[in-house]
Amino acid sequence: MDRRNFLRTALAGAAGLSATAILGTEAEAAAPVYLGRRKVDPFLDRDVLHVGAGLGLFRKISFRAKGNDVYVYDVKVDYSLGGDQHFNTRLKIAQGTSSRKLNLRYNKRFVQDVTFRYGKLPNGNGAAFVEIWGWR
C-alpha cells in the first residue's frame, strides 16, 4: 500500500469514528439520567435530593411516580456555582407516568440540590415513590 492509499484509508476510518462519537453523544443527550428516588409520606413531605456536579450538566428535570399517584407542589433547584430557581408546580403525576420537563433557567449548569414538597392521598393503595430525572 502506498502512502496516498494509506492516508485515505486512515482519514476515512477517523471520519467514521468521529461520526460515531457525535451520534453517541447526541443519543446520550436525549436519554434521561436518573438522579434519585424518595418514598412519599401519606400527606405532605419535604425532601432534599443532593445531585452534585459529578453527574454532569442538565437543561431540564422531570419527576416520575411509582406505586401510587404523587402530587409535587413546590420545587427549588440550587446550582453549584450559586443561584437557585423556584418552580410552583402543583403537578399531579399518575402512577407510572412522568411530569412535564421543567426547564432550568441556567441552561447546562451543574445542579447541586433539588428541594421539593410533595405528597399523596392516603387512599390505601400502597406506598408511593417519586423519582427525579435530569435531561442534558
Protein backbone atom coordinates (compact mmCIF):
# COMPACT_ATOMS: atom_id res chain seq x y z
CA MET A 1 0.00 0.00 0.00
CA ASP A 2 1.49 3.32 -0.99
CA ARG A 3 1.45 6.39 1.15
CA ARG A 4 -1.56 8.04 -0.56
CA ASN A 5 -3.81 5.00 -0.13
CA PHE A 6 -2.70 4.61 3.46
CA LEU A 7 -3.63 8.22 4.24
CA ARG A 8 -7.04 7.91 2.50
CA THR A 9 -7.82 4.77 4.48
CA ALA A 10 -6.69 6.32 7.75
CA LEU A 11 -8.71 9.51 7.19
CA ALA A 12 -11.84 7.58 6.18
CA GLY A 13 -11.56 5.48 9.35
CA ALA A 14 -11.08 8.57 11.50
CA ALA A 15 -14.11 10.26 9.92
CA GLY A 16 -16.23 7.20 10.68
CA LEU A 17 -15.06 7.17 14.28
CA SER A 18 -15.80 10.86 14.78
CA ALA A 19 -19.29 10.45 13.28
CA THR A 20 -19.91 7.56 15.66
CA ALA A 21 -18.69 9.65 18.59
CA ILE A 22 -21.01 12.52 17.62
CA LEU A 23 -24.03 10.24 17.22
CA GLY A 24 -23.23 8.58 20.53
CA THR A 25 -23.13 11.97 22.25
CA GLU A 26 -26.47 13.01 20.73
CA ALA A 27 -28.09 9.76 21.82
CA GLU A 28 -26.67 10.19 25.31
CA ALA A 29 -28.04 13.75 25.47
CA ALA A 30 -31.54 12.53 24.57
CA ALA A 31 -31.57 9.87 27.30
CA PRO A 32 -32.62 10.93 30.81
CA VAL A 33 -30.26 10.50 33.74
CA TYR A 34 -31.59 9.02 36.99
CA LEU A 35 -30.90 11.47 39.83
CA GLY A 36 -32.61 9.77 42.76
CA ARG A 37 -35.73 8.43 44.43
CA ARG A 38 -37.69 9.23 47.58
CA LYS A 39 -40.55 7.49 49.40
CA VAL A 40 -43.62 9.71 49.77
CA ASP A 41 -45.35 10.12 53.13
CA PRO A 42 -49.16 9.84 53.09
CA PHE A 43 -49.82 13.54 53.47
CA LEU A 44 -47.20 16.24 52.88
CA ASP A 45 -43.46 15.74 52.83
CA ARG A 46 -40.35 17.77 52.03
CA ASP A 47 -37.07 16.30 50.84
CA VAL A 48 -33.72 17.44 49.55
CA LEU A 49 -32.03 15.34 46.90
CA HIS A 50 -28.31 16.02 46.60
CA VAL A 51 -27.22 15.74 42.96
CA GLY A 52 -23.78 17.37 42.77
CA ALA A 53 -21.54 18.22 39.85
CA GLY A 54 -20.39 14.61 39.42
CA LEU A 55 -23.50 13.73 37.38
CA GLY A 56 -22.86 16.46 34.81
CA LEU A 57 -24.76 19.35 33.33
CA PHE A 58 -28.54 19.44 32.93
CA ARG A 59 -31.02 21.56 30.96
CA LYS A 60 -34.25 20.06 32.35
CA ILE A 61 -35.57 17.89 35.16
CA SER A 62 -38.73 15.80 35.47
CA PHE A 63 -40.47 13.65 38.07
CA ARG A 64 -41.86 10.11 37.79
CA ALA A 65 -44.40 8.49 40.14
CA LYS A 66 -44.10 4.83 41.13
CA GLY A 67 -46.55 2.75 43.16
CA ASN A 68 -49.24 5.42 43.57
CA ASP A 69 -50.24 8.90 42.38
CA VAL A 70 -47.98 11.70 43.62
CA TYR A 71 -48.53 15.45 43.98
CA VAL A 72 -45.47 17.71 43.62
CA TYR A 73 -46.30 21.15 45.00
CA ASP A 74 -43.09 23.12 45.00
CA VAL A 75 -39.58 22.61 43.59
CA LYS A 76 -36.37 24.53 44.28
CA VAL A 77 -33.18 23.84 42.32
CA ASP A 78 -29.86 25.02 43.77
CA TYR A 79 -26.93 25.35 41.37
CA SER A 80 -23.30 24.52 42.16
CA LEU A 81 -21.95 27.90 41.07
CA GLY A 82 -24.55 29.83 43.03
CA GLY A 83 -28.10 30.84 42.37
CA ASP A 84 -31.33 28.93 42.64
CA GLN A 85 -34.62 28.57 40.81
CA HIS A 86 -38.15 28.05 42.19
CA PHE A 87 -40.99 26.24 40.47
CA ASN A 88 -44.52 26.50 41.85
CA THR A 89 -45.53 23.29 40.10
CA ARG A 90 -48.79 21.89 41.51
CA LEU A 91 -48.20 18.71 39.49
CA LYS A 92 -50.40 15.64 39.82
CA ILE A 93 -48.41 12.70 38.48
CA ALA A 94 -50.33 9.48 37.94
CA GLN A 95 -48.65 6.23 38.97
CA GLY A 96 -46.28 5.02 36.26
CA THR A 97 -46.17 8.33 34.38
CA SER A 98 -43.81 11.31 34.27
CA SER A 99 -44.34 15.00 34.76
CA ARG A 100 -43.61 17.59 32.15
CA LYS A 101 -39.96 18.63 31.89
CA LEU A 102 -39.06 21.72 33.89
CA ASN A 103 -36.64 23.98 32.02
CA LEU A 104 -33.72 25.08 34.14
CA ARG A 105 -33.04 28.80 33.89
CA TYR A 106 -29.30 28.42 33.75
CA ASN A 107 -29.05 26.20 30.69
CA LYS A 108 -26.46 23.46 31.11
CA ARG A 109 -25.46 24.14 34.73
CA PHE A 110 -24.43 21.78 37.48
CA VAL A 111 -27.37 21.03 39.78
CA GLN A 112 -26.30 20.89 43.42
CA ASP A 113 -29.59 20.07 45.19
CA VAL A 114 -33.26 19.66 44.35
CA THR A 115 -35.62 20.51 47.22
CA PHE A 116 -39.26 19.61 46.73
CA ARG A 117 -42.54 19.42 48.63
CA TYR A 118 -44.79 16.56 47.68
CA GLY A 119 -47.42 14.16 48.96
CA LYS A 120 -50.03 11.56 48.10
CA LEU A 121 -53.60 10.87 49.09
CA PRO A 122 -53.93 8.32 51.90
CA ASN A 123 -56.03 6.05 49.69
CA GLY A 124 -54.75 2.70 50.91
CA ASN A 125 -53.29 1.80 47.52
CA GLY A 126 -49.82 1.28 48.94
CA ALA A 127 -46.58 3.21 49.09
CA ALA A 128 -45.64 5.88 46.59
CA PHE A 129 -42.20 6.84 45.33
CA VAL A 130 -41.09 9.83 43.34
CA GLU A 131 -38.06 9.66 41.04
CA ILE A 132 -36.18 12.65 39.66
CA TRP A 133 -34.65 12.53 36.20
CA GLY A 134 -32.28 15.00 34.56
CA TRP A 135 -32.07 15.82 30.86
CA ARG A 136 -28.85 17.06 29.26
